[in-house]
Amino acid sequence: MKRLLSLAVVSVIGFGLSGCGEKEDKKHSKSIATSKPYKDFVESDFYWDKRTEPYKKILVNQVNNIRKNNPKCNNVQADVIMSNSKGTKENPVFFVMCGSGADIHNVFFTKKEAEAQIVPKQKKALSETVATQICSDKIKSNASRPESVNVHNLLGKAYTAHSNGNATVILNFDSQNGLGIKIENQARCVIQPNGKIDIWFQKR
C-alpha cells in the first residue's frame, strides 16, 4: 500500500503537464498580451539565436498567423524556439508559447508549415467522462488491493480541460491496506489527448 500513498509520481510516460514537453529559456522571454485588432510582431520583438536567426522572416510571419487564427494564443511569448527533439535538419520544428497562468502551452510547427502559413491544429482534451474513467482505472491498477478501492466520482471530483489538449482530473478515493484498514487518498491525473497519463497520489 506504500506506493498508493506515495507522493512520488507514478509516471506512465516521460511527459509532463503542460503537456508542453520542452522548456523555454526564460531569461530572454517577454510576454506580449494582445487584443483585436492585432498589431503584427516584427523581427525586433523577438530574441534570436544562431539556430532561429536564419528563419526570422518565416517565423515572424507564422507567429503572427497563429496569433490571428488561434483564439487560445492571444498571449504570446515573443520567442520562437527550435525543438531539440522533433523535426529533421531539412524540416526543423519550432514552437512558441501561448496562453497565461495554468493554461500556458507550446504550439509546435514545422519549417514547411511556416513557409505555407499553415496554422497547427489545436488538440482537444478528452471529455470529463472519458478522462475520469482513465484516471479511475489507473488508481485501481496501482492499488495493492484494487477490489477495496472506492472512487468518489460525484462529490470528490474535479475536471479541467487545458489549451494544450491535456485534461486534469482530481479524484478522492478510499482503499484498504494489507491489514484491512481504511485509508483516504486523493489522486491527480494529467491525461493527454491520446489517453496517456501521469498520476500523483497523496493522503486526504
N, C-alpha and C. Protein backbone atom coordinates (compact mmCIF):
# COMPACT_ATOMS: atom_id res chain seq x y z
N MET A 1 0.82 -1.21 0.00
CA MET A 1 0.00 0.00 0.00
C MET A 1 0.85 1.27 0.00
N LYS A 2 2.17 1.09 0.30
CA LYS A 2 3.03 2.26 0.36
C LYS A 2 3.04 3.03 -0.94
N ARG A 3 3.06 2.30 -2.06
CA ARG A 3 3.13 3.03 -3.33
C ARG A 3 1.84 3.79 -3.61
N LEU A 4 0.73 3.36 -3.02
CA LEU A 4 -0.53 4.05 -3.22
C LEU A 4 -0.56 5.37 -2.49
N LEU A 5 0.20 5.45 -1.38
CA LEU A 5 0.19 6.66 -0.57
C LEU A 5 1.35 7.57 -0.89
N SER A 6 2.20 7.12 -1.77
CA SER A 6 3.42 7.86 -2.06
C SER A 6 3.12 9.18 -2.72
N LEU A 7 3.94 10.17 -2.40
CA LEU A 7 3.82 11.47 -3.06
C LEU A 7 4.61 11.51 -4.35
N ALA A 8 5.34 10.46 -4.62
CA ALA A 8 6.13 10.42 -5.85
C ALA A 8 5.23 10.22 -7.03
N VAL A 9 5.69 10.62 -8.16
CA VAL A 9 4.93 10.48 -9.38
C VAL A 9 4.99 9.06 -9.87
N VAL A 10 3.82 8.52 -10.18
CA VAL A 10 3.79 7.23 -10.87
C VAL A 10 3.57 7.57 -12.32
N SER A 11 4.63 7.59 -13.09
CA SER A 11 4.56 8.11 -14.44
C SER A 11 4.43 6.98 -15.45
N VAL A 12 3.41 7.10 -16.27
CA VAL A 12 3.21 6.11 -17.31
C VAL A 12 4.05 6.45 -18.52
N ILE A 13 4.31 7.75 -18.70
CA ILE A 13 5.16 8.18 -19.81
C ILE A 13 6.06 9.29 -19.30
N GLY A 14 7.11 9.56 -20.04
CA GLY A 14 8.02 10.61 -19.62
C GLY A 14 7.61 11.95 -20.19
N PHE A 15 6.44 12.40 -19.81
CA PHE A 15 5.92 13.62 -20.39
C PHE A 15 5.19 14.39 -19.32
N GLY A 16 5.56 15.64 -19.10
CA GLY A 16 4.99 16.40 -18.00
C GLY A 16 3.69 17.08 -18.35
N LEU A 17 3.16 17.89 -17.43
CA LEU A 17 1.90 18.59 -17.58
C LEU A 17 1.96 19.61 -18.70
N SER A 18 2.04 20.11 -19.03
CA SER A 18 1.78 21.04 -19.91
C SER A 18 1.35 20.62 -21.13
N GLY A 19 2.09 19.38 -20.57
CA GLY A 19 1.82 18.91 -21.87
C GLY A 19 2.69 19.50 -22.84
N CYS A 20 3.55 20.20 -22.34
CA CYS A 20 4.39 21.02 -23.20
C CYS A 20 5.55 20.22 -23.78
N GLY A 21 6.27 19.52 -22.95
CA GLY A 21 7.31 18.64 -23.45
C GLY A 21 8.67 19.28 -23.59
N GLU A 22 8.75 20.62 -23.80
CA GLU A 22 10.02 21.28 -23.93
C GLU A 22 9.97 22.59 -23.17
N LYS A 23 11.13 23.04 -22.73
CA LYS A 23 11.21 24.24 -21.90
C LYS A 23 11.82 25.39 -22.68
N GLU A 24 11.46 26.59 -22.24
CA GLU A 24 11.94 27.80 -22.87
C GLU A 24 13.02 28.44 -22.02
N ASP A 25 13.95 29.15 -22.67
CA ASP A 25 14.98 29.90 -21.96
C ASP A 25 14.34 31.17 -21.41
N LYS A 26 14.00 31.16 -20.11
CA LYS A 26 13.20 32.23 -19.53
C LYS A 26 13.91 33.59 -19.52
N LYS A 27 15.25 33.60 -19.51
CA LYS A 27 15.93 34.88 -19.37
C LYS A 27 15.72 35.79 -20.58
N HIS A 28 15.31 35.23 -21.69
CA HIS A 28 15.09 36.05 -22.88
C HIS A 28 13.62 36.26 -23.18
N SER A 29 12.73 35.66 -22.41
CA SER A 29 11.32 35.69 -22.78
C SER A 29 10.63 36.95 -22.30
N LYS A 30 9.69 37.40 -23.08
CA LYS A 30 8.83 38.50 -22.68
C LYS A 30 7.44 38.22 -23.21
N SER A 31 6.45 38.38 -22.36
CA SER A 31 5.09 38.05 -22.74
C SER A 31 4.45 39.27 -23.37
N ILE A 32 3.81 39.06 -24.48
CA ILE A 32 3.11 40.15 -25.15
C ILE A 32 1.63 39.81 -25.20
N ALA A 33 0.85 40.52 -24.41
CA ALA A 33 -0.59 40.31 -24.40
C ALA A 33 -1.20 41.09 -25.55
N THR A 34 -2.10 40.48 -26.25
CA THR A 34 -2.67 41.12 -27.43
C THR A 34 -4.18 41.13 -27.36
N SER A 35 -4.77 42.01 -28.10
CA SER A 35 -6.22 42.04 -28.25
C SER A 35 -6.53 42.53 -29.65
N LYS A 36 -7.65 42.12 -30.18
CA LYS A 36 -8.01 42.53 -31.53
C LYS A 36 -8.33 44.02 -31.56
N PRO A 37 -8.02 44.77 -32.65
CA PRO A 37 -7.26 44.28 -33.81
C PRO A 37 -5.78 44.08 -33.45
N TYR A 38 -5.19 43.08 -34.06
CA TYR A 38 -3.82 42.73 -33.74
C TYR A 38 -2.84 43.68 -34.41
N LYS A 39 -1.77 43.96 -33.69
CA LYS A 39 -0.62 44.66 -34.26
C LYS A 39 0.44 43.61 -34.49
N ASP A 40 0.84 43.44 -35.72
CA ASP A 40 1.77 42.37 -36.06
C ASP A 40 3.11 42.54 -35.36
N PHE A 41 3.69 41.38 -34.99
CA PHE A 41 5.05 41.37 -34.49
C PHE A 41 6.01 41.73 -35.61
N VAL A 42 7.16 42.25 -35.24
CA VAL A 42 8.25 42.48 -36.17
C VAL A 42 9.48 41.77 -35.62
N GLU A 43 10.51 41.65 -36.42
CA GLU A 43 11.69 40.87 -36.03
C GLU A 43 12.31 41.37 -34.74
N SER A 44 12.29 42.68 -34.52
CA SER A 44 12.92 43.24 -33.33
C SER A 44 12.18 42.90 -32.03
N ASP A 45 10.99 42.36 -32.13
CA ASP A 45 10.24 41.97 -30.93
C ASP A 45 10.77 40.67 -30.32
N PHE A 46 11.54 39.93 -31.10
CA PHE A 46 11.97 38.59 -30.71
C PHE A 46 13.43 38.54 -30.31
N TYR A 47 13.76 37.54 -29.50
CA TYR A 47 15.15 37.18 -29.27
C TYR A 47 15.49 36.07 -30.26
N TRP A 48 16.60 36.25 -30.99
CA TRP A 48 17.01 35.26 -31.97
C TRP A 48 18.34 34.63 -31.56
N ASP A 49 18.45 33.33 -31.77
CA ASP A 49 19.74 32.67 -31.54
C ASP A 49 20.26 32.17 -32.89
N LYS A 50 21.40 31.51 -32.86
CA LYS A 50 22.03 31.10 -34.11
C LYS A 50 21.22 30.07 -34.87
N ARG A 51 20.33 29.35 -34.17
CA ARG A 51 19.52 28.34 -34.84
C ARG A 51 18.26 28.92 -35.46
N THR A 52 17.70 29.94 -34.84
CA THR A 52 16.45 30.51 -35.37
C THR A 52 16.67 31.71 -36.29
N GLU A 53 17.81 32.36 -36.18
CA GLU A 53 18.04 33.57 -36.97
C GLU A 53 17.91 33.36 -38.47
N PRO A 54 18.37 32.23 -39.03
CA PRO A 54 18.22 32.05 -40.48
C PRO A 54 16.77 32.00 -40.97
N TYR A 55 15.84 31.79 -40.03
CA TYR A 55 14.44 31.63 -40.42
C TYR A 55 13.56 32.79 -39.94
N LYS A 56 14.19 33.90 -39.60
CA LYS A 56 13.47 35.01 -38.96
C LYS A 56 12.20 35.42 -39.71
N LYS A 57 12.31 35.60 -40.99
CA LYS A 57 11.17 36.13 -41.75
C LYS A 57 9.97 35.20 -41.70
N ILE A 58 10.18 33.90 -41.97
CA ILE A 58 9.04 32.99 -41.99
C ILE A 58 8.51 32.74 -40.58
N LEU A 59 9.38 32.81 -39.57
CA LEU A 59 8.93 32.57 -38.20
C LEU A 59 8.08 33.72 -37.69
N VAL A 60 8.47 34.94 -37.97
CA VAL A 60 7.66 36.10 -37.56
C VAL A 60 6.30 36.04 -38.23
N ASN A 61 6.28 35.73 -39.52
CA ASN A 61 5.01 35.62 -40.23
C ASN A 61 4.13 34.52 -39.65
N GLN A 62 4.76 33.40 -39.27
CA GLN A 62 3.99 32.29 -38.73
C GLN A 62 3.41 32.61 -37.34
N VAL A 63 4.20 33.27 -36.51
CA VAL A 63 3.69 33.64 -35.18
C VAL A 63 2.52 34.61 -35.32
N ASN A 64 2.63 35.57 -36.22
CA ASN A 64 1.50 36.48 -36.47
C ASN A 64 0.28 35.72 -36.97
N ASN A 65 0.53 34.73 -37.82
CA ASN A 65 -0.56 33.91 -38.36
C ASN A 65 -1.24 33.11 -37.25
N ILE A 66 -0.45 32.50 -36.39
CA ILE A 66 -1.01 31.72 -35.28
C ILE A 66 -1.80 32.62 -34.34
N ARG A 67 -1.26 33.77 -34.04
CA ARG A 67 -1.92 34.68 -33.10
C ARG A 67 -3.27 35.15 -33.63
N LYS A 68 -3.35 35.37 -34.91
CA LYS A 68 -4.60 35.85 -35.50
C LYS A 68 -5.65 34.75 -35.67
N ASN A 69 -5.18 33.51 -35.83
CA ASN A 69 -6.10 32.43 -36.19
C ASN A 69 -6.28 31.37 -35.11
N ASN A 70 -5.56 31.50 -34.01
CA ASN A 70 -5.73 30.57 -32.89
C ASN A 70 -6.24 31.36 -31.69
N PRO A 71 -7.52 31.20 -31.34
CA PRO A 71 -8.10 32.01 -30.25
C PRO A 71 -7.46 31.77 -28.89
N LYS A 72 -6.69 30.68 -28.75
CA LYS A 72 -6.04 30.38 -27.48
C LYS A 72 -4.63 30.96 -27.42
N CYS A 73 -4.26 31.76 -28.43
CA CYS A 73 -2.93 32.34 -28.47
C CYS A 73 -2.97 33.86 -28.47
N ASN A 74 -3.87 34.44 -27.69
CA ASN A 74 -3.90 35.89 -27.59
C ASN A 74 -2.71 36.41 -26.79
N ASN A 75 -2.22 35.62 -25.87
CA ASN A 75 -0.99 35.94 -25.15
C ASN A 75 0.12 35.09 -25.74
N VAL A 76 1.17 35.75 -26.21
CA VAL A 76 2.26 35.04 -26.87
C VAL A 76 3.59 35.46 -26.28
N GLN A 77 4.45 34.47 -26.01
CA GLN A 77 5.82 34.78 -25.62
C GLN A 77 6.60 35.12 -26.89
N ALA A 78 7.25 36.27 -26.88
CA ALA A 78 7.93 36.74 -28.09
C ALA A 78 9.29 36.06 -28.26
N ASP A 79 9.27 34.78 -28.31
CA ASP A 79 10.44 33.96 -28.60
C ASP A 79 9.98 32.74 -29.39
N VAL A 80 10.70 32.41 -30.43
CA VAL A 80 10.45 31.17 -31.15
C VAL A 80 11.65 30.28 -30.90
N ILE A 81 11.38 29.06 -30.42
CA ILE A 81 12.44 28.13 -30.06
C ILE A 81 12.47 26.98 -31.06
N MET A 82 13.68 26.54 -31.44
CA MET A 82 13.79 25.34 -32.27
C MET A 82 13.81 24.13 -31.35
N SER A 83 12.98 23.15 -31.65
CA SER A 83 12.90 21.96 -30.83
C SER A 83 14.19 21.15 -30.90
N ASN A 84 14.56 20.58 -29.75
CA ASN A 84 15.74 19.71 -29.70
C ASN A 84 15.40 18.26 -30.00
N SER A 85 14.11 17.91 -29.95
CA SER A 85 13.73 16.50 -30.04
C SER A 85 12.81 16.19 -31.21
N LYS A 86 12.35 17.21 -31.92
CA LYS A 86 11.42 16.98 -33.02
C LYS A 86 12.01 17.51 -34.32
N GLY A 87 11.50 17.03 -35.45
CA GLY A 87 11.89 17.54 -36.75
C GLY A 87 13.17 16.94 -37.30
N THR A 88 13.56 17.44 -38.47
CA THR A 88 14.78 16.99 -39.15
C THR A 88 15.60 18.21 -39.54
N LYS A 89 16.81 17.96 -40.05
CA LYS A 89 17.66 19.06 -40.47
C LYS A 89 17.01 19.82 -41.61
N GLU A 90 16.35 19.11 -42.52
CA GLU A 90 15.70 19.74 -43.67
C GLU A 90 14.38 20.41 -43.28
N ASN A 91 13.72 19.88 -42.27
CA ASN A 91 12.41 20.41 -41.87
C ASN A 91 12.35 20.50 -40.34
N PRO A 92 13.07 21.46 -39.76
CA PRO A 92 13.09 21.58 -38.30
C PRO A 92 11.73 21.98 -37.74
N VAL A 93 11.55 21.68 -36.46
CA VAL A 93 10.31 22.03 -35.76
C VAL A 93 10.61 23.16 -34.78
N PHE A 94 9.69 24.11 -34.73
CA PHE A 94 9.80 25.25 -33.83
C PHE A 94 8.58 25.27 -32.91
N PHE A 95 8.68 26.04 -31.84
CA PHE A 95 7.49 26.23 -31.02
C PHE A 95 7.50 27.61 -30.39
N VAL A 96 6.28 28.09 -30.12
CA VAL A 96 6.08 29.36 -29.44
C VAL A 96 5.13 29.09 -28.28
N MET A 97 5.30 29.83 -27.19
CA MET A 97 4.47 29.63 -26.01
C MET A 97 3.27 30.57 -26.04
N CYS A 98 2.09 29.99 -25.85
CA CYS A 98 0.85 30.74 -25.85
C CYS A 98 0.14 30.61 -24.51
N GLY A 99 -0.79 31.52 -24.26
CA GLY A 99 -1.61 31.44 -23.06
C GLY A 99 -0.94 32.08 -21.87
N SER A 100 -1.58 31.93 -20.71
CA SER A 100 -1.05 32.51 -19.48
C SER A 100 -1.48 31.65 -18.30
N GLY A 101 -0.78 31.80 -17.19
CA GLY A 101 -1.12 31.07 -15.98
C GLY A 101 -1.07 29.57 -16.18
N ALA A 102 -2.10 28.89 -15.65
CA ALA A 102 -2.15 27.43 -15.74
C ALA A 102 -2.39 26.95 -17.15
N ASP A 103 -2.80 27.85 -18.04
CA ASP A 103 -3.13 27.45 -19.41
C ASP A 103 -2.01 27.72 -20.40
N ILE A 104 -0.82 28.05 -19.94
CA ILE A 104 0.28 28.29 -20.86
C ILE A 104 0.69 26.97 -21.52
N HIS A 105 0.96 27.01 -22.81
CA HIS A 105 1.27 25.79 -23.55
C HIS A 105 2.10 26.11 -24.79
N ASN A 106 2.78 25.09 -25.30
CA ASN A 106 3.58 25.25 -26.51
C ASN A 106 2.77 24.92 -27.75
N VAL A 107 2.94 25.72 -28.79
CA VAL A 107 2.35 25.43 -30.09
C VAL A 107 3.50 25.13 -31.05
N PHE A 108 3.52 23.91 -31.57
CA PHE A 108 4.60 23.44 -32.43
C PHE A 108 4.22 23.60 -33.91
N PHE A 109 5.22 23.87 -34.74
CA PHE A 109 5.01 23.91 -36.18
C PHE A 109 6.33 23.63 -36.88
N THR A 110 6.25 23.10 -38.09
CA THR A 110 7.45 22.79 -38.85
C THR A 110 7.85 23.97 -39.74
N LYS A 111 9.05 23.89 -40.27
CA LYS A 111 9.51 24.91 -41.22
C LYS A 111 8.60 24.95 -42.44
N LYS A 112 8.20 23.79 -42.92
CA LYS A 112 7.31 23.75 -44.09
C LYS A 112 5.95 24.38 -43.79
N GLU A 113 5.44 24.13 -42.57
CA GLU A 113 4.16 24.74 -42.18
C GLU A 113 4.30 26.25 -42.09
N ALA A 114 5.45 26.72 -41.60
CA ALA A 114 5.67 28.16 -41.51
C ALA A 114 5.74 28.79 -42.89
N GLU A 115 6.43 28.11 -43.81
CA GLU A 115 6.54 28.63 -45.18
C GLU A 115 5.17 28.69 -45.85
N ALA A 116 4.32 27.71 -45.57
CA ALA A 116 2.99 27.66 -46.18
C ALA A 116 1.94 28.40 -45.37
N GLN A 117 2.35 28.96 -44.21
CA GLN A 117 1.44 29.67 -43.31
C GLN A 117 0.25 28.80 -42.88
N ILE A 118 0.57 27.57 -42.51
CA ILE A 118 -0.44 26.63 -42.03
C ILE A 118 -0.49 26.71 -40.50
N VAL A 119 -1.67 26.99 -39.96
CA VAL A 119 -1.83 27.07 -38.51
C VAL A 119 -1.98 25.66 -37.95
N PRO A 120 -1.15 25.27 -36.99
CA PRO A 120 -1.26 23.92 -36.43
C PRO A 120 -2.64 23.69 -35.81
N LYS A 121 -3.15 22.48 -35.98
CA LYS A 121 -4.44 22.14 -35.39
C LYS A 121 -4.32 22.03 -33.88
N GLN A 122 -5.28 22.61 -33.18
CA GLN A 122 -5.27 22.56 -31.73
C GLN A 122 -5.88 21.24 -31.26
N LYS A 123 -5.14 20.52 -30.40
CA LYS A 123 -5.64 19.26 -29.88
C LYS A 123 -6.74 19.52 -28.86
N LYS A 124 -7.75 18.66 -28.87
CA LYS A 124 -8.88 18.79 -27.96
C LYS A 124 -8.74 17.83 -26.80
N ALA A 125 -9.00 18.32 -25.61
CA ALA A 125 -8.90 17.48 -24.42
C ALA A 125 -9.99 16.42 -24.41
N LEU A 126 -9.69 15.28 -23.79
CA LEU A 126 -10.69 14.24 -23.62
C LEU A 126 -11.86 14.76 -22.78
N SER A 127 -13.03 14.21 -23.00
CA SER A 127 -14.20 14.62 -22.24
C SER A 127 -14.05 14.27 -20.77
N GLU A 128 -14.84 14.91 -19.93
CA GLU A 128 -14.79 14.64 -18.50
C GLU A 128 -15.07 13.17 -18.19
N THR A 129 -16.04 12.59 -18.90
CA THR A 129 -16.41 11.19 -18.66
C THR A 129 -15.25 10.25 -18.98
N VAL A 130 -14.65 10.45 -20.14
CA VAL A 130 -13.55 9.58 -20.58
C VAL A 130 -12.33 9.76 -19.69
N ALA A 131 -11.96 11.02 -19.42
CA ALA A 131 -10.78 11.29 -18.61
C ALA A 131 -10.94 10.75 -17.18
N THR A 132 -12.14 10.88 -16.63
CA THR A 132 -12.40 10.38 -15.28
C THR A 132 -12.27 8.87 -15.22
N GLN A 133 -12.74 8.19 -16.25
CA GLN A 133 -12.65 6.73 -16.28
C GLN A 133 -11.20 6.27 -16.36
N ILE A 134 -10.40 6.95 -17.18
CA ILE A 134 -8.99 6.60 -17.31
C ILE A 134 -8.28 6.79 -15.97
N CYS A 135 -8.57 7.89 -15.31
CA CYS A 135 -7.95 8.16 -14.01
C CYS A 135 -8.38 7.12 -12.98
N SER A 136 -9.66 6.80 -12.95
CA SER A 136 -10.18 5.81 -12.01
C SER A 136 -9.55 4.45 -12.23
N ASP A 137 -9.41 4.05 -13.49
CA ASP A 137 -8.79 2.76 -13.80
C ASP A 137 -7.33 2.73 -13.35
N LYS A 138 -6.64 3.87 -13.52
CA LYS A 138 -5.23 3.92 -13.13
C LYS A 138 -5.08 3.85 -11.61
N ILE A 139 -5.99 4.47 -10.88
CA ILE A 139 -5.97 4.38 -9.42
C ILE A 139 -6.05 2.92 -8.98
N LYS A 140 -7.00 2.19 -9.55
CA LYS A 140 -7.20 0.80 -9.17
C LYS A 140 -6.02 -0.08 -9.56
N SER A 141 -5.41 0.20 -10.70
CA SER A 141 -4.29 -0.62 -11.15
C SER A 141 -3.05 -0.43 -10.28
N ASN A 142 -2.98 0.71 -9.57
CA ASN A 142 -1.85 0.98 -8.69
C ASN A 142 -2.10 0.58 -7.24
N ALA A 143 -3.31 0.13 -6.94
CA ALA A 143 -3.64 -0.25 -5.57
C ALA A 143 -3.16 -1.66 -5.26
N SER A 144 -2.73 -1.89 -4.02
CA SER A 144 -2.33 -3.23 -3.60
C SER A 144 -3.54 -4.13 -3.43
N ARG A 145 -4.71 -3.51 -3.15
CA ARG A 145 -5.97 -4.27 -3.07
C ARG A 145 -7.01 -3.55 -3.93
N PRO A 146 -6.95 -3.73 -5.25
CA PRO A 146 -7.85 -3.00 -6.17
C PRO A 146 -9.32 -3.17 -5.85
N GLU A 147 -9.70 -4.34 -5.31
CA GLU A 147 -11.12 -4.58 -5.03
C GLU A 147 -11.63 -3.71 -3.89
N SER A 148 -10.72 -3.11 -3.10
CA SER A 148 -11.14 -2.28 -1.98
C SER A 148 -11.28 -0.80 -2.35
N VAL A 149 -10.89 -0.44 -3.55
CA VAL A 149 -10.90 0.96 -3.95
C VAL A 149 -12.32 1.46 -4.18
N ASN A 150 -12.65 2.58 -3.56
CA ASN A 150 -13.94 3.24 -3.74
C ASN A 150 -13.69 4.67 -4.20
N VAL A 151 -13.87 4.92 -5.50
CA VAL A 151 -13.62 6.23 -6.08
C VAL A 151 -14.85 7.11 -5.92
N HIS A 152 -14.66 8.34 -5.45
CA HIS A 152 -15.76 9.28 -5.25
C HIS A 152 -15.98 10.07 -6.54
N ASN A 153 -16.79 9.55 -7.42
CA ASN A 153 -16.97 10.15 -8.74
C ASN A 153 -17.92 11.34 -8.76
N LEU A 154 -18.62 11.59 -7.66
CA LEU A 154 -19.58 12.69 -7.63
C LEU A 154 -19.05 13.89 -6.85
N LEU A 155 -18.92 13.75 -5.54
CA LEU A 155 -18.54 14.89 -4.70
C LEU A 155 -17.04 15.12 -4.66
N GLY A 156 -16.26 14.06 -4.79
CA GLY A 156 -14.81 14.22 -4.66
C GLY A 156 -14.09 14.28 -5.97
N LYS A 157 -14.60 15.06 -6.93
CA LYS A 157 -14.01 15.07 -8.27
C LYS A 157 -13.87 16.49 -8.79
N ALA A 158 -12.80 16.74 -9.56
CA ALA A 158 -12.62 18.00 -10.27
C ALA A 158 -12.02 17.70 -11.64
N TYR A 159 -12.47 18.44 -12.65
CA TYR A 159 -12.00 18.22 -14.03
C TYR A 159 -11.66 19.56 -14.66
N THR A 160 -10.51 19.62 -15.35
CA THR A 160 -10.11 20.82 -16.07
C THR A 160 -9.55 20.43 -17.44
N ALA A 161 -10.06 21.06 -18.49
CA ALA A 161 -9.52 20.87 -19.84
C ALA A 161 -8.55 22.01 -20.13
N HIS A 162 -7.35 21.69 -20.58
CA HIS A 162 -6.32 22.70 -20.82
C HIS A 162 -6.17 22.98 -22.32
N SER A 163 -5.62 24.15 -22.62
CA SER A 163 -5.48 24.58 -24.01
C SER A 163 -4.54 23.70 -24.81
N ASN A 164 -3.61 23.02 -24.16
CA ASN A 164 -2.67 22.17 -24.89
C ASN A 164 -3.26 20.79 -25.20
N GLY A 165 -4.52 20.56 -24.82
CA GLY A 165 -5.18 19.29 -25.10
C GLY A 165 -5.15 18.32 -23.93
N ASN A 166 -4.40 18.65 -22.88
CA ASN A 166 -4.38 17.80 -21.70
C ASN A 166 -5.63 18.03 -20.85
N ALA A 167 -5.97 17.04 -20.06
CA ALA A 167 -7.06 17.16 -19.09
C ALA A 167 -6.53 16.79 -17.72
N THR A 168 -6.90 17.55 -16.71
CA THR A 168 -6.53 17.23 -15.33
C THR A 168 -7.77 16.75 -14.58
N VAL A 169 -7.65 15.61 -13.93
CA VAL A 169 -8.74 15.06 -13.13
C VAL A 169 -8.22 14.84 -11.71
N ILE A 170 -8.95 15.34 -10.74
CA ILE A 170 -8.64 15.10 -9.33
C ILE A 170 -9.77 14.26 -8.74
N LEU A 171 -9.40 13.12 -8.14
CA LEU A 171 -10.38 12.20 -7.58
C LEU A 171 -10.02 11.84 -6.15
N ASN A 172 -11.00 11.95 -5.26
CA ASN A 172 -10.86 11.40 -3.91
C ASN A 172 -11.26 9.93 -3.94
N PHE A 173 -10.58 9.13 -3.14
CA PHE A 173 -10.94 7.71 -3.09
C PHE A 173 -10.51 7.11 -1.77
N ASP A 174 -11.17 6.03 -1.42
CA ASP A 174 -10.82 5.26 -0.22
C ASP A 174 -10.31 3.90 -0.67
N SER A 175 -9.46 3.32 0.16
CA SER A 175 -8.97 1.97 -0.12
C SER A 175 -8.53 1.34 1.20
N GLN A 176 -8.16 0.09 1.15
CA GLN A 176 -7.69 -0.61 2.33
C GLN A 176 -6.25 -1.07 2.15
N ASN A 177 -5.51 -1.01 3.24
CA ASN A 177 -4.15 -1.53 3.18
C ASN A 177 -4.16 -3.04 3.43
N GLY A 178 -2.98 -3.62 3.55
CA GLY A 178 -2.89 -5.07 3.71
C GLY A 178 -3.53 -5.60 4.97
N LEU A 179 -3.74 -4.72 5.98
CA LEU A 179 -4.37 -5.13 7.24
C LEU A 179 -5.87 -4.87 7.26
N GLY A 180 -6.37 -4.38 6.11
CA GLY A 180 -7.80 -4.11 6.03
C GLY A 180 -8.21 -2.78 6.62
N ILE A 181 -7.23 -1.89 6.91
CA ILE A 181 -7.53 -0.58 7.48
C ILE A 181 -7.88 0.40 6.35
N LYS A 182 -8.95 1.13 6.53
CA LYS A 182 -9.40 2.09 5.52
C LYS A 182 -8.48 3.30 5.49
N ILE A 183 -8.08 3.71 4.31
CA ILE A 183 -7.21 4.87 4.12
C ILE A 183 -7.85 5.79 3.09
N GLU A 184 -7.84 7.10 3.39
CA GLU A 184 -8.42 8.11 2.49
C GLU A 184 -7.30 8.77 1.69
N ASN A 185 -7.48 8.79 0.38
CA ASN A 185 -6.45 9.29 -0.51
C ASN A 185 -7.05 10.22 -1.57
N GLN A 186 -6.15 10.87 -2.29
CA GLN A 186 -6.54 11.70 -3.43
C GLN A 186 -5.56 11.45 -4.57
N ALA A 187 -6.08 11.37 -5.79
CA ALA A 187 -5.25 11.19 -6.98
C ALA A 187 -5.40 12.40 -7.89
N ARG A 188 -4.30 12.79 -8.49
CA ARG A 188 -4.32 13.85 -9.50
C ARG A 188 -3.78 13.26 -10.79
N CYS A 189 -4.62 13.24 -11.82
CA CYS A 189 -4.26 12.65 -13.10
C CYS A 189 -4.14 13.74 -14.16
N VAL A 190 -3.09 13.68 -14.95
CA VAL A 190 -2.94 14.54 -16.13
C VAL A 190 -2.94 13.63 -17.35
N ILE A 191 -3.94 13.81 -18.20
CA ILE A 191 -4.19 12.86 -19.29
C ILE A 191 -4.06 13.57 -20.63
N GLN A 192 -3.24 13.04 -21.50
CA GLN A 192 -3.06 13.59 -22.84
C GLN A 192 -4.22 13.18 -23.74
N PRO A 193 -4.39 13.86 -24.88
CA PRO A 193 -5.48 13.52 -25.80
C PRO A 193 -5.43 12.08 -26.29
N ASN A 194 -4.24 11.47 -26.32
CA ASN A 194 -4.12 10.08 -26.77
C ASN A 194 -4.36 9.08 -25.64
N GLY A 195 -4.71 9.58 -24.44
CA GLY A 195 -5.03 8.70 -23.33
C GLY A 195 -3.88 8.38 -22.41
N LYS A 196 -2.67 8.80 -22.74
CA LYS A 196 -1.53 8.56 -21.85
C LYS A 196 -1.66 9.43 -20.61
N ILE A 197 -1.17 8.90 -19.48
CA ILE A 197 -1.49 9.53 -18.20
C ILE A 197 -0.29 9.61 -17.28
N ASP A 198 -0.20 10.70 -16.53
CA ASP A 198 0.67 10.83 -15.36
C ASP A 198 -0.24 10.92 -14.15
N ILE A 199 0.17 10.30 -13.04
CA ILE A 199 -0.68 10.28 -11.86
C ILE A 199 0.13 10.51 -10.60
N TRP A 200 -0.43 11.28 -9.68
CA TRP A 200 0.16 11.57 -8.37
C TRP A 200 -0.83 11.15 -7.28
N PHE A 201 -0.31 10.67 -6.16
CA PHE A 201 -1.14 10.29 -5.02
C PHE A 201 -0.74 11.07 -3.77
N GLN A 202 -1.73 11.37 -2.93
CA GLN A 202 -1.46 11.95 -1.63
C GLN A 202 -2.60 11.62 -0.66
N LYS A 203 -2.30 11.70 0.64
CA LYS A 203 -3.33 11.48 1.65
C LYS A 203 -4.29 12.66 1.68
N ARG A 204 -5.53 12.40 2.02
CA ARG A 204 -6.50 13.48 2.22
C ARG A 204 -6.49 13.92 3.69
